């Protein structure tokens, strides 16, 4: 009787013990804060004293909601994000993404923060896109510089509930690879979701802001300069708001193809081939007669309530 009960006890508890040991090991493997360094190694635990080499190596060892920090200057490689995370380059970290996408975010319900990073697509093969957002609750791009990509610098093709915030950042559409050079497709392309751009510069892409489908974009205290086709292009049923900014030195400054609409408040639209065209509404406090080849005019005047 005793032997039988003892065997039964071991049979019941061994799986439980193994599960507990596995859980303890997994918890130990994922820290809330990890580190990368130009002299690190991805076999390391990504601690401050034994940092990893790449963001991709560190993210698997960082718990959801945790943070990856750069210890020193370096290019820490492209990364795919599938959970809540903060990646902070501390003004020194960069992502070199020759021939690929710098950051892919496919993290339904997650909050992703990209801060103090240089995301660079330049190389022997030009990078395709800077940041691609497929799914997330919120994405924050803070104090970042993106350049050297032939596609979109920030590309959001996400559900309507996804929000993207770009603050104090530069999206530069110039790219070169060997003897070839050109302009990115868009500095910011929104195919869904909503975006807020604040205190940022979007320069020298084919289109500065491309709002498609039912996307919503709000720009505040930002500059759109040097875009080949348009500074702002709104299509589908998208909505774009511009307040306190400048759209200059582009093909068309602001274009809205109805039913899409762009609303302007305290915006300078100048030195473009065409200033305004399409379904553009004005609060009556903008400056459009500012050296455009053809100024154009708002299709709707809005009251300042």
Protein backbone atom coordinates (compact mmCIF):
# COMPACT_ATOMS: atom_id res chain seq x y z
CA UNK A 1 0.00 0.00 0.00
CA UNK A 2 2.77 2.42 1.00
CA UNK A 3 4.76 1.73 -2.19
CA UNK A 4 1.72 2.33 -4.40
CA UNK A 5 0.89 5.61 -2.72
CA UNK A 6 4.51 6.75 -2.98
CA UNK A 7 4.65 6.05 -6.72
CA UNK A 8 1.35 7.88 -7.23
CA UNK A 9 2.70 10.89 -5.33
CA UNK A 10 5.76 11.11 -7.55
CA UNK A 11 3.69 10.76 -10.72
CA UNK A 12 1.43 13.62 -9.67
CA UNK A 13 4.08 16.04 -8.50
CA UNK A 14 6.83 15.61 -11.09
CA UNK A 15 4.98 17.53 -13.87
CA UNK A 16 4.13 20.25 -11.39
CA UNK A 17 7.73 20.53 -10.25
CA UNK A 18 8.95 20.69 -13.85
CA UNK A 19 6.42 23.42 -14.66
CA UNK A 20 7.53 25.45 -11.65
CA UNK A 21 11.18 25.08 -12.57
CA UNK A 22 10.46 26.13 -16.18
CA UNK A 23 8.49 29.17 -15.07
CA UNK A 24 11.26 30.20 -12.70
CA UNK A 25 13.83 29.87 -15.47
CA UNK A 26 11.72 31.89 -17.92
CA UNK A 27 11.20 34.65 -15.37
CA UNK A 28 14.94 34.75 -14.71
CA UNK A 29 15.70 34.90 -18.46
CA UNK A 30 13.62 38.04 -19.05
CA UNK A 31 14.72 41.16 -17.22
CA UNK A 32 12.73 44.38 -17.01
CA UNK A 33 15.75 46.33 -18.25
CA UNK A 34 18.47 45.19 -20.63
CA UNK A 35 21.46 46.78 -22.34
CA UNK A 36 23.21 46.75 -25.71
CA UNK A 37 26.75 47.81 -26.57
CA UNK A 38 28.97 47.99 -29.62
CA UNK A 39 31.28 45.54 -27.85
CA UNK A 40 28.48 43.32 -26.52
CA UNK A 41 27.49 39.78 -27.49
CA UNK A 42 24.01 38.33 -27.96
CA UNK A 43 24.96 35.24 -25.95
CA UNK A 44 25.21 37.50 -22.90
CA UNK A 45 22.29 38.04 -20.50
CA UNK A 46 22.08 41.68 -21.70
CA UNK A 47 22.86 43.07 -18.26
CA UNK A 48 24.74 46.34 -17.84
CA UNK A 49 28.00 44.47 -17.19
CA UNK A 50 27.37 41.83 -19.89
CA UNK A 51 25.39 43.64 -22.62
CA UNK A 52 24.03 42.24 -25.86
CA UNK A 53 25.18 43.21 -29.34
CA UNK A 54 21.83 43.90 -31.04
CA UNK A 55 18.31 45.07 -30.24
CA UNK A 56 17.01 41.79 -31.70
CA UNK A 57 19.19 39.84 -29.29
CA UNK A 58 18.11 41.94 -26.32
CA UNK A 59 14.38 41.97 -26.98
CA UNK A 60 14.02 38.22 -26.42
CA UNK A 61 15.63 38.67 -22.99
CA UNK A 62 13.50 41.67 -22.02
CA UNK A 63 10.15 41.25 -20.30
CA UNK A 64 7.01 42.75 -21.82
CA UNK A 65 6.79 46.37 -20.73
CA UNK A 66 10.54 46.49 -20.16
CA UNK A 67 13.26 48.72 -21.60
CA UNK A 68 16.35 48.26 -23.76
CA UNK A 69 19.05 50.93 -23.39
CA UNK A 70 22.23 51.65 -25.35
CA UNK A 71 25.43 51.90 -23.32
CA UNK A 72 27.57 53.47 -26.05
CA UNK A 73 27.47 54.53 -29.70
CA UNK A 74 26.74 51.72 -32.14
CA UNK A 75 24.53 50.30 -34.84
CA UNK A 76 22.36 47.72 -33.13
CA UNK A 77 20.50 46.25 -36.09
CA UNK A 78 16.93 45.98 -37.32
CA UNK A 79 14.36 44.62 -34.90
CA UNK A 80 10.84 43.16 -34.88
CA UNK A 81 8.69 44.11 -31.88
CA UNK A 82 5.85 41.83 -30.75
CA UNK A 83 5.23 43.13 -27.22
CA UNK A 84 5.21 46.31 -25.15
CA UNK A 85 8.76 47.64 -25.01
CA UNK A 86 10.85 50.82 -24.80
CA UNK A 87 13.98 51.04 -26.95
CA UNK A 88 16.13 54.02 -25.95
CA UNK A 89 19.28 54.82 -27.89
CA UNK A 90 20.30 57.51 -25.38
CA UNK A 91 21.22 59.72 -28.33
CA UNK A 92 23.97 57.27 -29.30
CA UNK A 93 22.17 54.17 -30.55
CA UNK A 94 21.30 53.61 -34.18
CA UNK A 95 19.57 51.02 -36.31
CA UNK A 96 21.36 50.32 -39.59
CA UNK A 97 18.85 48.71 -41.93
CA UNK A 98 20.50 48.36 -45.33
CA UNK A 99 18.15 46.47 -47.65
CA UNK A 100 15.46 45.89 -45.02
CA UNK A 101 12.97 47.53 -42.62
CA UNK A 102 14.44 49.24 -39.57
CA UNK A 103 11.68 48.46 -37.06
CA UNK A 104 8.62 46.24 -37.59
CA UNK A 105 5.92 46.55 -34.93
CA UNK A 106 3.34 43.76 -34.86
CA UNK A 107 2.15 43.85 -31.27
CA UNK A 108 -1.65 43.97 -30.87
CA UNK A 109 -2.66 45.83 -27.72
CA UNK A 110 0.93 46.82 -26.88
CA UNK A 111 2.61 50.17 -26.24
CA UNK A 112 5.94 50.62 -28.03
CA UNK A 113 8.31 53.54 -27.40
CA UNK A 114 11.23 54.32 -29.73
CA UNK A 115 13.35 57.10 -28.24
CA UNK A 116 16.64 58.84 -29.05
CA UNK A 117 17.41 56.67 -32.08
CA UNK A 118 18.95 57.18 -35.50
CA UNK A 119 17.26 54.79 -37.96
CA UNK A 120 19.36 54.64 -41.11
CA UNK A 121 18.65 52.73 -44.30
CA UNK A 122 21.80 53.80 -46.14
CA UNK A 123 24.20 51.13 -47.32
CA UNK A 124 25.17 49.02 -50.30
CA UNK A 125 21.44 48.24 -50.67
CA UNK A 126 19.05 51.01 -49.69
CA UNK A 127 16.68 50.28 -46.80
CA UNK A 128 13.04 49.65 -47.65
CA UNK A 129 11.09 51.31 -44.79
CA UNK A 130 12.09 52.97 -41.54
CA UNK A 131 9.30 51.99 -39.14
CA UNK A 132 6.41 49.75 -40.16
CA UNK A 133 3.44 49.53 -37.80
CA UNK A 134 1.17 46.54 -38.43
CA UNK A 135 -0.58 46.39 -35.05
CA UNK A 136 -0.26 48.10 -31.66
CA UNK A 137 -2.31 50.10 -29.21
CA UNK A 138 0.15 53.01 -29.26
CA UNK A 139 3.53 53.74 -30.80
CA UNK A 140 5.69 56.68 -29.66
CA UNK A 141 8.56 57.94 -31.83
CA UNK A 142 10.44 60.51 -29.74
CA UNK A 143 13.63 62.42 -30.56
CA UNK A 144 14.43 60.14 -33.49
CA UNK A 145 15.99 60.73 -36.91
CA UNK A 146 15.01 58.54 -39.87
CA UNK A 147 16.72 58.69 -43.27
CA UNK A 148 18.08 56.63 -46.14
CA UNK A 149 14.96 54.61 -47.05
CA UNK A 150 13.37 54.27 -50.48
CA UNK A 151 9.90 53.38 -49.18
CA UNK A 152 8.16 55.06 -46.26
CA UNK A 153 9.99 56.46 -43.27
CA UNK A 154 7.02 55.76 -41.00
CA UNK A 155 4.38 53.44 -42.49
CA UNK A 156 1.22 52.68 -40.54
CA UNK A 157 -1.13 50.04 -41.96
CA UNK A 158 -2.91 49.18 -38.73
CA UNK A 159 -6.41 48.93 -37.24
CA UNK A 160 -8.36 52.13 -36.61
CA UNK A 161 -7.68 51.99 -32.86
CA UNK A 162 -3.90 52.22 -33.33
CA UNK A 163 -2.38 55.59 -32.37
CA UNK A 164 1.06 56.80 -33.44
CA UNK A 165 2.79 59.79 -31.86
CA UNK A 166 5.83 61.44 -33.49
CA UNK A 167 7.51 64.15 -31.42
CA UNK A 168 10.72 66.15 -31.81
CA UNK A 169 11.81 63.98 -34.72
CA UNK A 170 13.22 64.40 -38.23
CA UNK A 171 11.95 62.29 -41.13
CA UNK A 172 14.36 62.91 -44.01
CA UNK A 173 13.42 61.35 -47.34
CA UNK A 174 16.83 61.53 -49.02
CA UNK A 175 18.49 58.21 -49.83
CA UNK A 176 21.56 57.09 -51.75
CA UNK A 177 23.13 53.75 -52.58
CA UNK A 178 26.29 53.63 -54.65
CA UNK A 179 25.74 56.04 -57.53
CA UNK A 180 21.94 55.96 -57.21
CA UNK A 181 19.91 58.39 -55.12
CA UNK A 182 16.33 59.50 -54.70
CA UNK A 183 13.49 60.35 -52.36
CA UNK A 184 11.48 58.15 -50.04
CA UNK A 185 7.91 57.36 -51.07
CA UNK A 186 6.47 59.12 -48.00
CA UNK A 187 7.81 60.60 -44.80
CA UNK A 188 4.62 59.46 -43.04
CA UNK A 189 2.15 57.12 -44.73
CA UNK A 190 -1.06 56.39 -42.85
CA UNK A 191 -3.27 53.64 -44.26
CA UNK A 192 -5.25 53.28 -41.04
CA UNK A 193 -5.20 54.35 -37.42
CA UNK A 194 -4.44 57.85 -36.17
CA UNK A 195 -1.25 59.88 -35.87
CA UNK A 196 -0.18 63.03 -34.04
CA UNK A 197 3.00 64.77 -35.23
CA UNK A 198 4.40 67.50 -32.99
CA UNK A 199 7.50 69.71 -33.28
CA UNK A 200 8.95 67.63 -36.10
CA UNK A 201 10.40 68.13 -39.57
CA UNK A 202 9.31 66.02 -42.55
CA UNK A 203 11.58 66.72 -45.51
CA UNK A 204 12.38 65.68 -49.07
CA UNK A 205 10.17 62.66 -49.68
CA UNK A 206 7.94 62.14 -52.69
CA UNK A 207 4.99 62.90 -50.36
CA UNK A 208 5.36 64.39 -46.90
CA UNK A 209 2.19 63.09 -45.26
CA UNK A 210 0.10 60.56 -47.19
CA UNK A 211 -3.25 59.92 -45.48
CA UNK A 212 -5.25 57.07 -46.99
CA UNK A 213 -8.48 55.15 -46.34
CA UNK A 214 -10.00 56.38 -43.05
CA UNK A 215 -6.75 57.47 -41.40
CA UNK A 216 -6.63 60.53 -39.17
CA UNK A 217 -3.55 62.74 -38.89
CA UNK A 218 -2.95 65.86 -36.79
CA UNK A 219 0.21 67.96 -37.20
CA UNK A 220 1.15 70.68 -34.74
CA UNK A 221 4.18 73.01 -34.81
CA UNK A 222 5.76 70.98 -37.62
CA UNK A 223 7.39 71.69 -40.98
CA UNK A 224 6.93 69.91 -44.31
CA UNK A 225 9.54 71.00 -46.85
CA UNK A 226 10.95 69.86 -50.19
CA UNK A 227 8.50 67.12 -51.16
CA UNK A 228 8.43 66.16 -54.82
CA UNK A 229 4.68 65.59 -55.35
CA UNK A 230 2.93 67.04 -52.28
CA UNK A 231 3.59 68.16 -48.76
CA UNK A 232 0.23 66.77 -47.65
CA UNK A 233 -1.88 64.34 -49.69
CA UNK A 234 -5.24 63.23 -48.26
CA UNK A 235 -7.25 60.56 -50.09
CA UNK A 236 -10.05 58.10 -49.38
CA UNK A 237 -12.06 59.28 -46.38
CA UNK A 238 -9.02 60.43 -44.42
CA UNK A 239 -8.90 63.59 -42.30
CA UNK A 240 -5.84 65.78 -41.76
CA UNK A 241 -5.45 68.71 -39.37
CA UNK A 242 -2.54 71.18 -39.62
CA UNK A 243 -2.01 73.82 -36.97
CA UNK A 244 0.91 76.23 -36.60
CA UNK A 245 3.23 74.92 -39.24
CA UNK A 246 4.73 75.42 -42.69
CA UNK A 247 4.34 73.57 -45.98
CA UNK A 248 6.90 74.86 -48.46
CA UNK A 249 9.09 74.24 -51.51
CA UNK A 250 7.12 71.23 -52.72
CA UNK A 251 5.19 70.27 -55.85
CA UNK A 252 1.76 70.85 -54.32
CA UNK A 253 1.62 72.17 -50.80
CA UNK A 254 -1.68 70.67 -49.67
CA UNK A 255 -3.92 68.38 -51.73
CA UNK A 256 -7.16 66.77 -50.54
CA UNK A 257 -9.15 64.52 -52.86
CA UNK A 258 -12.77 64.53 -51.63
CA UNK A 259 -14.29 63.06 -49.57
CA UNK A 260 -10.95 63.34 -47.77
CA UNK A 261 -10.41 66.74 -46.17
CA UNK A 262 -7.53 68.83 -44.84
CA UNK A 263 -8.20 71.59 -42.29
CA UNK A 264 -5.68 74.41 -41.83
CA UNK A 265 -5.15 76.82 -38.93
CA UNK A 266 -2.23 79.27 -38.70
CA UNK A 267 -0.25 77.55 -41.47
CA UNK A 268 2.15 79.09 -43.98
CA UNK A 269 1.84 77.48 -47.43
CA UNK A 270 4.54 79.02 -49.61
CA UNK A 271 7.08 78.60 -52.40
CA UNK A 272 5.28 75.57 -53.83
CA UNK A 273 4.44 75.02 -57.48
CA UNK A 274 0.76 74.79 -56.39
CA UNK A 275 -0.31 75.99 -52.96
CA UNK A 276 -3.71 74.44 -52.24
CA UNK A 277 -5.94 72.14 -54.25
CA UNK A 278 -9.04 70.07 -53.55
CA UNK A 279 -11.13 69.79 -50.41
CA UNK A 280 -9.11 72.09 -48.16
CA UNK A 281 -10.85 73.97 -45.34
CA UNK A 282 -9.39 77.06 -43.67
CA UNK A 283 -10.07 78.80 -40.37
CA UNK A 284 -9.18 82.08 -42.08
CA UNK A 285 -5.84 82.63 -40.35
CA UNK A 286 -3.47 81.04 -42.86
CA UNK A 287 -0.95 82.58 -45.28
CA UNK A 288 -1.12 81.15 -48.78
CA UNK A 289 -0.13 84.10 -50.99
CA UNK A 290 3.48 83.35 -50.20
CA UNK A 291 5.42 82.82 -53.40
CA UNK A 292 3.60 79.79 -54.82
CA UNK A 293 3.47 79.37 -58.58
CA UNK A 294 -0.31 79.16 -58.17
CA UNK A 295 -1.71 79.85 -54.73
CA UNK A 296 -5.04 78.07 -54.96
CA UNK A 297 -7.72 78.77 -52.39
CA UNK A 298 -9.53 76.90 -49.63
CA UNK A 299 -12.74 75.25 -50.76
CA UNK A 300 -14.36 75.93 -47.37
CA UNK A 301 -14.04 78.71 -44.80
CA UNK A 302 -14.54 77.53 -41.23
CA UNK A 303 -15.63 79.71 -38.27
CA UNK A 304 -13.26 80.27 -35.37
CA UNK A 305 -15.57 79.36 -32.52
